[in-house]
Amino acid sequence: MTHELVSALRPLLAAEASAEAHATGAESGDLEQAVWLRLLERLDATGPPVDPQRWVRRAVRSEARLSRRRAHAEQPYAVEPADDSDSGPEERAMTAERRRELHDAVRRLPGRCPGLMAALLSPDDLTYREIAGELGISQGSLGPERSRCLGCLRRLLTVEVAAR
C-alpha cells in the first residue's frame, strides 16, 4: 500500500513543489523532502490520508509557507564578507588616488556625461529613476547615454595611461 501511494503521489508532489518553490524562492527538492517526511510521519501515526492528492497540495503549501517564514527570519552573520586583505595605509592612499583620478577624468567628459557619471558613481547608490529625475532626462535614455559616456571615459583614460 505504501509503495503504491508513493508511486502515485510522486509526479503530483514534484509538480506542486516545483510550482510553490518557484513562487516562494525555496528549493523544490527541500519542499518535496519535507512533504515526504510529513507523509511518513502521518503513515506511522494515523495511516494514509483519505484524499492523498488534496493532502499533498495542502502539505506543499504549508511547507512553502514555513520555508518563507524561516527565510524571512534568518539574519546574516555579517553585512559584508570578512576582509582578509588587511589593507594598510599605502593601499588606502593608492585607492584614494585612483578614485580622485577617476573623478577628475569624469569631470572632463563632454556634454551631460559628467553629471550622469557622477550620479552613477555616487555613494548614495541612486536608482535609474532617481538619476533620470535628477538630470531631467527620460529613464529609457539612461542606458544608451551611460554606454556612450563610458566609451568616452574609456578613451580618455586609455590616452592618459598611454601618455604616462
N, C-alpha and C. Protein backbone atom coordinates (compact mmCIF):
# COMPACT_ATOMS: atom_id res chain seq x y z
N MET A 1 0.83 -1.19 0.00
CA MET A 1 0.00 0.00 0.00
C MET A 1 0.87 1.26 0.00
N THR A 2 1.92 1.31 0.83
CA THR A 2 2.76 2.49 0.93
C THR A 2 3.49 2.74 -0.38
N HIS A 3 4.01 1.68 -1.00
CA HIS A 3 4.74 1.83 -2.25
C HIS A 3 3.83 2.37 -3.36
N GLU A 4 2.61 1.86 -3.43
CA GLU A 4 1.67 2.35 -4.44
C GLU A 4 1.32 3.81 -4.21
N LEU A 5 1.14 4.17 -2.94
CA LEU A 5 0.82 5.56 -2.59
C LEU A 5 1.97 6.49 -2.99
N VAL A 6 3.19 6.10 -2.66
CA VAL A 6 4.36 6.92 -3.00
C VAL A 6 4.48 7.04 -4.51
N SER A 7 4.33 5.96 -5.23
CA SER A 7 4.42 5.99 -6.70
C SER A 7 3.34 6.87 -7.30
N ALA A 8 2.14 6.81 -6.75
CA ALA A 8 1.04 7.61 -7.28
C ALA A 8 1.23 9.11 -6.99
N LEU A 9 1.81 9.43 -5.84
CA LEU A 9 1.93 10.83 -5.43
C LEU A 9 3.20 11.52 -5.95
N ARG A 10 4.19 10.74 -6.38
CA ARG A 10 5.47 11.31 -6.79
C ARG A 10 5.33 12.40 -7.87
N PRO A 11 4.62 12.18 -8.99
CA PRO A 11 4.53 13.24 -10.01
C PRO A 11 3.77 14.48 -9.51
N LEU A 12 2.71 14.25 -8.75
CA LEU A 12 1.95 15.37 -8.22
C LEU A 12 2.80 16.19 -7.25
N LEU A 13 3.51 15.52 -6.36
CA LEU A 13 4.34 16.21 -5.39
C LEU A 13 5.45 17.00 -6.10
N ALA A 14 6.07 16.40 -7.11
CA ALA A 14 7.13 17.10 -7.84
C ALA A 14 6.58 18.36 -8.52
N ALA A 15 5.42 18.25 -9.13
CA ALA A 15 4.82 19.41 -9.81
C ALA A 15 4.42 20.49 -8.82
N GLU A 16 3.78 20.11 -7.73
CA GLU A 16 3.34 21.09 -6.72
C GLU A 16 4.54 21.77 -6.06
N ALA A 17 5.54 20.97 -5.72
CA ALA A 17 6.73 21.53 -5.07
C ALA A 17 7.46 22.48 -6.01
N SER A 18 7.54 22.12 -7.27
CA SER A 18 8.21 22.99 -8.25
C SER A 18 7.46 24.32 -8.38
N ALA A 19 6.15 24.26 -8.45
CA ALA A 19 5.35 25.49 -8.59
C ALA A 19 5.49 26.37 -7.35
N GLU A 20 5.37 25.78 -6.18
CA GLU A 20 5.48 26.57 -4.95
C GLU A 20 6.89 27.09 -4.73
N ALA A 21 7.88 26.28 -5.08
CA ALA A 21 9.27 26.71 -4.90
C ALA A 21 9.55 27.91 -5.78
N HIS A 22 9.07 27.87 -7.00
CA HIS A 22 9.29 28.99 -7.91
C HIS A 22 8.63 30.26 -7.37
N ALA A 23 7.46 30.13 -6.78
CA ALA A 23 6.73 31.29 -6.28
C ALA A 23 7.31 31.83 -4.98
N THR A 24 7.93 30.98 -4.18
CA THR A 24 8.42 31.42 -2.86
C THR A 24 9.92 31.57 -2.78
N GLY A 25 10.64 31.10 -3.80
CA GLY A 25 12.10 31.21 -3.77
C GLY A 25 12.76 30.07 -3.01
N ALA A 26 11.99 29.06 -2.64
CA ALA A 26 12.55 27.91 -1.93
C ALA A 26 13.07 26.90 -2.95
N GLU A 27 13.77 25.90 -2.49
CA GLU A 27 14.24 24.82 -3.35
C GLU A 27 13.15 23.76 -3.43
N SER A 28 12.80 23.33 -4.65
CA SER A 28 11.73 22.35 -4.79
C SER A 28 12.10 21.03 -4.12
N GLY A 29 13.36 20.65 -4.19
CA GLY A 29 13.79 19.41 -3.55
C GLY A 29 13.60 19.45 -2.04
N ASP A 30 13.85 20.62 -1.44
CA ASP A 30 13.65 20.76 0.00
C ASP A 30 12.17 20.62 0.36
N LEU A 31 11.32 21.24 -0.46
CA LEU A 31 9.87 21.12 -0.20
C LEU A 31 9.41 19.67 -0.33
N GLU A 32 9.87 19.01 -1.39
CA GLU A 32 9.50 17.60 -1.59
C GLU A 32 9.93 16.75 -0.40
N GLN A 33 11.17 16.94 0.02
CA GLN A 33 11.69 16.15 1.13
C GLN A 33 10.87 16.37 2.40
N ALA A 34 10.51 17.61 2.67
CA ALA A 34 9.73 17.92 3.86
C ALA A 34 8.34 17.28 3.80
N VAL A 35 7.74 17.28 2.62
CA VAL A 35 6.40 16.68 2.48
C VAL A 35 6.49 15.16 2.59
N TRP A 36 7.53 14.55 2.00
CA TRP A 36 7.69 13.10 2.15
C TRP A 36 7.84 12.74 3.63
N LEU A 37 8.61 13.53 4.35
CA LEU A 37 8.78 13.28 5.78
C LEU A 37 7.45 13.38 6.51
N ARG A 38 6.68 14.42 6.19
CA ARG A 38 5.35 14.58 6.80
C ARG A 38 4.46 13.37 6.51
N LEU A 39 4.52 12.90 5.26
CA LEU A 39 3.70 11.76 4.88
C LEU A 39 4.12 10.51 5.66
N LEU A 40 5.42 10.27 5.78
CA LEU A 40 5.88 9.10 6.54
C LEU A 40 5.46 9.19 8.00
N GLU A 41 5.58 10.39 8.58
CA GLU A 41 5.15 10.57 9.97
C GLU A 41 3.66 10.32 10.11
N ARG A 42 2.89 10.77 9.12
CA ARG A 42 1.45 10.58 9.16
C ARG A 42 1.10 9.10 9.01
N LEU A 43 1.79 8.41 8.10
CA LEU A 43 1.52 6.99 7.90
C LEU A 43 1.76 6.20 9.18
N ASP A 44 2.83 6.57 9.93
CA ASP A 44 3.11 5.90 11.20
C ASP A 44 2.07 6.21 12.25
N ALA A 45 1.59 7.44 12.27
CA ALA A 45 0.68 7.87 13.34
C ALA A 45 -0.78 7.52 13.06
N THR A 46 -1.29 7.93 11.90
CA THR A 46 -2.73 7.78 11.66
C THR A 46 -3.08 7.01 10.41
N GLY A 47 -2.08 6.64 9.63
CA GLY A 47 -2.36 5.93 8.39
C GLY A 47 -2.42 6.89 7.22
N PRO A 48 -2.73 6.36 6.04
CA PRO A 48 -2.74 7.20 4.84
C PRO A 48 -3.88 8.22 4.88
N PRO A 49 -3.69 9.36 4.23
CA PRO A 49 -4.76 10.35 4.19
C PRO A 49 -5.94 9.84 3.36
N VAL A 50 -7.11 10.34 3.68
CA VAL A 50 -8.33 9.93 2.97
C VAL A 50 -8.25 10.39 1.51
N ASP A 51 -7.87 11.63 1.28
CA ASP A 51 -7.72 12.19 -0.06
C ASP A 51 -6.25 12.56 -0.25
N PRO A 52 -5.40 11.63 -0.71
CA PRO A 52 -3.96 11.86 -0.77
C PRO A 52 -3.56 13.06 -1.64
N GLN A 53 -4.22 13.25 -2.79
CA GLN A 53 -3.86 14.35 -3.67
C GLN A 53 -4.12 15.70 -2.97
N ARG A 54 -5.25 15.83 -2.34
CA ARG A 54 -5.57 17.06 -1.61
C ARG A 54 -4.58 17.26 -0.46
N TRP A 55 -4.26 16.18 0.22
CA TRP A 55 -3.32 16.28 1.35
C TRP A 55 -1.95 16.77 0.86
N VAL A 56 -1.50 16.23 -0.27
CA VAL A 56 -0.19 16.64 -0.82
C VAL A 56 -0.19 18.12 -1.15
N ARG A 57 -1.26 18.59 -1.82
CA ARG A 57 -1.32 20.02 -2.18
C ARG A 57 -1.25 20.90 -0.94
N ARG A 58 -2.02 20.53 0.09
CA ARG A 58 -2.03 21.32 1.33
C ARG A 58 -0.68 21.25 2.04
N ALA A 59 -0.07 20.08 2.06
CA ALA A 59 1.22 19.91 2.74
C ALA A 59 2.31 20.72 2.04
N VAL A 60 2.29 20.74 0.72
CA VAL A 60 3.29 21.52 -0.02
C VAL A 60 3.11 23.00 0.27
N ARG A 61 1.88 23.50 0.23
CA ARG A 61 1.65 24.92 0.53
C ARG A 61 2.08 25.26 1.94
N SER A 62 1.79 24.37 2.88
CA SER A 62 2.16 24.59 4.27
C SER A 62 3.69 24.64 4.42
N GLU A 63 4.39 23.71 3.79
CA GLU A 63 5.85 23.70 3.86
C GLU A 63 6.45 24.92 3.18
N ALA A 64 5.83 25.37 2.10
CA ALA A 64 6.31 26.58 1.42
C ALA A 64 6.17 27.79 2.34
N ARG A 65 5.04 27.88 3.05
CA ARG A 65 4.85 28.99 3.99
C ARG A 65 5.89 28.94 5.10
N LEU A 66 6.13 27.74 5.63
CA LEU A 66 7.16 27.59 6.68
C LEU A 66 8.54 27.99 6.17
N SER A 67 8.85 27.58 4.96
CA SER A 67 10.14 27.91 4.36
C SER A 67 10.28 29.41 4.19
N ARG A 68 9.21 30.06 3.73
CA ARG A 68 9.23 31.51 3.55
C ARG A 68 9.42 32.22 4.88
N ARG A 69 8.75 31.75 5.94
CA ARG A 69 8.91 32.36 7.27
C ARG A 69 10.33 32.19 7.79
N ARG A 70 10.88 30.98 7.59
CA ARG A 70 12.25 30.74 8.05
C ARG A 70 13.23 31.64 7.32
N ALA A 71 13.07 31.76 6.01
CA ALA A 71 13.97 32.59 5.22
C ALA A 71 13.85 34.05 5.63
N HIS A 72 12.63 34.50 5.94
CA HIS A 72 12.41 35.88 6.35
C HIS A 72 13.05 36.16 7.71
N ALA A 73 13.04 35.15 8.59
CA ALA A 73 13.56 35.33 9.94
C ALA A 73 15.08 35.19 10.02
N GLU A 74 15.71 34.60 8.99
CA GLU A 74 17.16 34.40 9.02
C GLU A 74 17.87 35.74 8.94
N GLN A 75 18.94 35.86 9.70
CA GLN A 75 19.75 37.07 9.72
C GLN A 75 21.17 36.70 9.29
N PRO A 76 21.78 37.48 8.42
CA PRO A 76 23.16 37.17 8.02
C PRO A 76 24.11 37.40 9.19
N TYR A 77 25.22 36.69 9.17
CA TYR A 77 26.22 36.85 10.22
C TYR A 77 26.89 38.21 10.16
N ALA A 78 27.15 38.68 8.95
CA ALA A 78 27.82 39.97 8.79
C ALA A 78 27.24 40.66 7.57
N VAL A 79 27.32 41.96 7.55
CA VAL A 79 26.79 42.72 6.42
C VAL A 79 27.65 42.49 5.18
N GLU A 80 28.95 42.47 5.34
CA GLU A 80 29.86 42.24 4.23
C GLU A 80 30.78 41.08 4.57
N PRO A 81 31.30 40.40 3.54
CA PRO A 81 32.23 39.30 3.83
C PRO A 81 33.47 39.80 4.55
N ALA A 82 34.07 38.91 5.28
CA ALA A 82 35.29 39.27 6.02
C ALA A 82 36.37 39.69 5.04
N ASP A 83 37.12 40.70 5.40
CA ASP A 83 38.19 41.21 4.55
C ASP A 83 39.52 40.75 5.12
N ASP A 84 40.16 39.82 4.40
CA ASP A 84 41.43 39.27 4.86
C ASP A 84 42.62 40.06 4.31
N SER A 85 42.36 41.04 3.46
CA SER A 85 43.48 41.73 2.82
C SER A 85 44.23 42.63 3.79
N ASP A 86 43.57 43.12 4.83
CA ASP A 86 44.19 43.98 5.84
C ASP A 86 44.99 45.09 5.15
N SER A 87 44.25 45.88 4.32
CA SER A 87 44.94 46.93 3.57
C SER A 87 45.50 47.98 4.51
N GLY A 88 46.74 48.28 4.29
CA GLY A 88 47.44 49.25 5.12
C GLY A 88 47.23 50.66 4.58
N PRO A 89 47.91 51.61 5.17
CA PRO A 89 47.76 53.00 4.76
C PRO A 89 48.19 53.23 3.31
N GLU A 90 49.19 52.49 2.84
CA GLU A 90 49.64 52.66 1.46
C GLU A 90 48.55 52.27 0.48
N GLU A 91 47.93 51.13 0.75
CA GLU A 91 46.86 50.64 -0.13
C GLU A 91 45.68 51.61 -0.13
N ARG A 92 45.30 52.12 1.04
CA ARG A 92 44.20 53.08 1.12
C ARG A 92 44.55 54.37 0.38
N ALA A 93 45.78 54.82 0.48
CA ALA A 93 46.20 56.04 -0.22
C ALA A 93 46.17 55.83 -1.73
N MET A 94 46.60 54.66 -2.20
CA MET A 94 46.57 54.36 -3.64
C MET A 94 45.13 54.30 -4.14
N THR A 95 44.26 53.68 -3.36
CA THR A 95 42.85 53.60 -3.75
C THR A 95 42.23 54.99 -3.82
N ALA A 96 42.53 55.83 -2.84
CA ALA A 96 42.01 57.21 -2.85
C ALA A 96 42.54 57.97 -4.05
N GLU A 97 43.80 57.77 -4.41
CA GLU A 97 44.38 58.45 -5.57
C GLU A 97 43.70 58.00 -6.86
N ARG A 98 43.48 56.70 -7.01
CA ARG A 98 42.78 56.20 -8.20
C ARG A 98 41.37 56.77 -8.28
N ARG A 99 40.69 56.85 -7.15
CA ARG A 99 39.34 57.41 -7.11
C ARG A 99 39.37 58.89 -7.53
N ARG A 100 40.34 59.66 -7.05
CA ARG A 100 40.46 61.08 -7.43
C ARG A 100 40.72 61.21 -8.93
N GLU A 101 41.60 60.36 -9.48
CA GLU A 101 41.89 60.40 -10.91
C GLU A 101 40.64 60.08 -11.73
N LEU A 102 39.88 59.12 -11.28
CA LEU A 102 38.65 58.76 -11.99
C LEU A 102 37.68 59.94 -11.98
N HIS A 103 37.47 60.55 -10.83
CA HIS A 103 36.53 61.67 -10.73
C HIS A 103 37.04 62.87 -11.53
N ASP A 104 38.35 63.08 -11.58
CA ASP A 104 38.91 64.16 -12.41
C ASP A 104 38.60 63.89 -13.89
N ALA A 105 38.78 62.66 -14.31
CA ALA A 105 38.50 62.29 -15.70
C ALA A 105 37.01 62.45 -16.01
N VAL A 106 36.15 62.06 -15.08
CA VAL A 106 34.71 62.20 -15.27
C VAL A 106 34.34 63.67 -15.47
N ARG A 107 34.95 64.57 -14.71
CA ARG A 107 34.64 66.00 -14.83
C ARG A 107 35.04 66.55 -16.21
N ARG A 108 36.00 65.92 -16.89
CA ARG A 108 36.46 66.39 -18.19
C ARG A 108 35.65 65.81 -19.36
N LEU A 109 34.67 64.95 -19.08
CA LEU A 109 33.87 64.36 -20.15
C LEU A 109 32.98 65.41 -20.80
N PRO A 110 32.56 65.17 -22.05
CA PRO A 110 31.72 66.14 -22.76
C PRO A 110 30.24 66.03 -22.40
N GLY A 111 29.48 67.09 -22.67
CA GLY A 111 28.03 67.10 -22.57
C GLY A 111 27.49 66.78 -21.19
N ARG A 112 26.46 65.90 -21.18
CA ARG A 112 25.82 65.51 -19.91
C ARG A 112 26.56 64.41 -19.17
N CYS A 113 27.63 63.92 -19.76
CA CYS A 113 28.37 62.79 -19.17
C CYS A 113 28.88 63.06 -17.75
N PRO A 114 29.43 64.24 -17.46
CA PRO A 114 29.92 64.43 -16.09
C PRO A 114 28.83 64.26 -15.03
N GLY A 115 27.65 64.81 -15.30
CA GLY A 115 26.55 64.68 -14.34
C GLY A 115 26.06 63.25 -14.22
N LEU A 116 25.93 62.58 -15.36
CA LEU A 116 25.45 61.19 -15.34
C LEU A 116 26.45 60.28 -14.65
N MET A 117 27.72 60.39 -14.99
CA MET A 117 28.73 59.51 -14.38
C MET A 117 28.88 59.81 -12.89
N ALA A 118 28.79 61.09 -12.51
CA ALA A 118 28.86 61.43 -11.08
C ALA A 118 27.69 60.81 -10.33
N ALA A 119 26.51 60.82 -10.95
CA ALA A 119 25.34 60.20 -10.31
C ALA A 119 25.52 58.69 -10.19
N LEU A 120 26.08 58.07 -11.23
CA LEU A 120 26.30 56.62 -11.19
C LEU A 120 27.37 56.24 -10.17
N LEU A 121 28.36 57.10 -9.98
CA LEU A 121 29.44 56.83 -9.02
C LEU A 121 29.10 57.28 -7.61
N SER A 122 27.93 57.88 -7.44
CA SER A 122 27.54 58.42 -6.14
C SER A 122 27.48 57.33 -5.07
N PRO A 123 27.96 57.63 -3.87
CA PRO A 123 27.87 56.64 -2.78
C PRO A 123 26.43 56.42 -2.32
N ASP A 124 25.50 57.28 -2.78
CA ASP A 124 24.09 57.12 -2.41
C ASP A 124 23.42 55.97 -3.13
N ASP A 125 24.09 55.38 -4.14
CA ASP A 125 23.58 54.24 -4.89
C ASP A 125 22.19 54.54 -5.45
N LEU A 126 22.10 55.58 -6.27
CA LEU A 126 20.84 56.04 -6.82
C LEU A 126 20.28 55.05 -7.84
N THR A 127 18.96 54.97 -7.94
CA THR A 127 18.31 54.14 -8.95
C THR A 127 18.28 54.91 -10.26
N TYR A 128 17.98 54.21 -11.36
CA TYR A 128 17.86 54.88 -12.66
C TYR A 128 16.76 55.93 -12.61
N ARG A 129 15.67 55.64 -11.94
CA ARG A 129 14.57 56.60 -11.82
C ARG A 129 15.05 57.87 -11.12
N GLU A 130 15.79 57.73 -10.03
CA GLU A 130 16.30 58.89 -9.29
C GLU A 130 17.30 59.68 -10.13
N ILE A 131 18.17 58.97 -10.85
CA ILE A 131 19.15 59.66 -11.69
C ILE A 131 18.45 60.41 -12.81
N ALA A 132 17.48 59.78 -13.45
CA ALA A 132 16.74 60.44 -14.54
C ALA A 132 16.04 61.69 -14.02
N GLY A 133 15.43 61.61 -12.85
CA GLY A 133 14.77 62.76 -12.27
C GLY A 133 15.76 63.86 -11.94
N GLU A 134 16.91 63.49 -11.41
CA GLU A 134 17.94 64.46 -11.04
C GLU A 134 18.50 65.18 -12.26
N LEU A 135 18.68 64.43 -13.36
CA LEU A 135 19.27 65.01 -14.56
C LEU A 135 18.24 65.58 -15.52
N GLY A 136 16.97 65.29 -15.28
CA GLY A 136 15.91 65.81 -16.14
C GLY A 136 15.87 65.13 -17.50
N ILE A 137 16.20 63.85 -17.56
CA ILE A 137 16.12 63.10 -18.82
C ILE A 137 15.26 61.87 -18.60
N SER A 138 14.83 61.24 -19.69
CA SER A 138 13.97 60.07 -19.55
C SER A 138 14.79 58.87 -19.04
N GLN A 139 14.09 58.03 -18.31
CA GLN A 139 14.74 56.85 -17.74
C GLN A 139 15.21 55.91 -18.84
N GLY A 140 14.47 55.84 -19.94
CA GLY A 140 14.83 54.96 -21.05
C GLY A 140 16.10 55.38 -21.78
N SER A 141 16.44 56.66 -21.72
CA SER A 141 17.65 57.11 -22.42
C SER A 141 18.90 56.97 -21.56
N LEU A 142 18.75 56.58 -20.29
CA LEU A 142 19.92 56.47 -19.42
C LEU A 142 20.89 55.38 -19.87
N GLY A 143 20.37 54.24 -20.28
CA GLY A 143 21.24 53.13 -20.70
C GLY A 143 22.12 53.50 -21.88
N PRO A 144 21.53 53.98 -22.99
CA PRO A 144 22.36 54.38 -24.13
C PRO A 144 23.32 55.53 -23.79
N GLU A 145 22.83 56.49 -23.01
CA GLU A 145 23.68 57.62 -22.61
C GLU A 145 24.85 57.13 -21.75
N ARG A 146 24.55 56.20 -20.84
CA ARG A 146 25.59 55.62 -19.98
C ARG A 146 26.65 54.92 -20.83
N SER A 147 26.21 54.14 -21.81
CA SER A 147 27.16 53.43 -22.69
C SER A 147 28.04 54.41 -23.44
N ARG A 148 27.44 55.50 -23.97
CA ARG A 148 28.21 56.49 -24.70
C ARG A 148 29.24 57.15 -23.77
N CYS A 149 28.80 57.51 -22.56
CA CYS A 149 29.70 58.16 -21.60
C CYS A 149 30.83 57.23 -21.16
N LEU A 150 30.52 55.96 -20.96
CA LEU A 150 31.57 55.01 -20.58
C LEU A 150 32.59 54.85 -21.70
N GLY A 151 32.12 54.88 -22.95
CA GLY A 151 33.04 54.81 -24.09
C GLY A 151 33.97 56.02 -24.11
N CYS A 152 33.40 57.20 -23.87
CA CYS A 152 34.22 58.42 -23.81
C CYS A 152 35.24 58.33 -22.67
N LEU A 153 34.79 57.87 -21.52
CA LEU A 153 35.67 57.76 -20.36
C LEU A 153 36.78 56.75 -20.63
N ARG A 154 36.44 55.65 -21.26
CA ARG A 154 37.44 54.62 -21.59
C ARG A 154 38.51 55.19 -22.51
N ARG A 155 38.06 55.92 -23.56
CA ARG A 155 39.03 56.52 -24.49
C ARG A 155 39.91 57.55 -23.78
N LEU A 156 39.30 58.35 -22.93
CA LEU A 156 40.04 59.39 -22.20
C LEU A 156 41.10 58.76 -21.30
N LEU A 157 40.71 57.74 -20.55
CA LEU A 157 41.65 57.09 -19.64
C LEU A 157 42.72 56.31 -20.37
N THR A 158 42.38 55.72 -21.53
CA THR A 158 43.37 54.98 -22.31
C THR A 158 44.46 55.92 -22.81
N VAL A 159 44.07 57.11 -23.27
CA VAL A 159 45.04 58.09 -23.74
C VAL A 159 45.94 58.54 -22.59
N GLU A 160 45.35 58.78 -21.43
CA GLU A 160 46.14 59.24 -20.28
C GLU A 160 47.10 58.17 -19.79
N VAL A 161 46.66 56.92 -19.75
CA VAL A 161 47.54 55.84 -19.30
C VAL A 161 48.67 55.63 -20.30
N ALA A 162 48.36 55.73 -21.59
CA ALA A 162 49.40 55.57 -22.61
C ALA A 162 50.42 56.69 -22.56
N ALA A 163 49.96 57.91 -22.20
CA ALA A 163 50.87 59.05 -22.14
C ALA A 163 51.87 58.93 -20.99
N ARG A 164 51.54 58.19 -19.97
CA ARG A 164 52.44 58.03 -18.83
C ARG A 164 53.54 57.13 -19.24
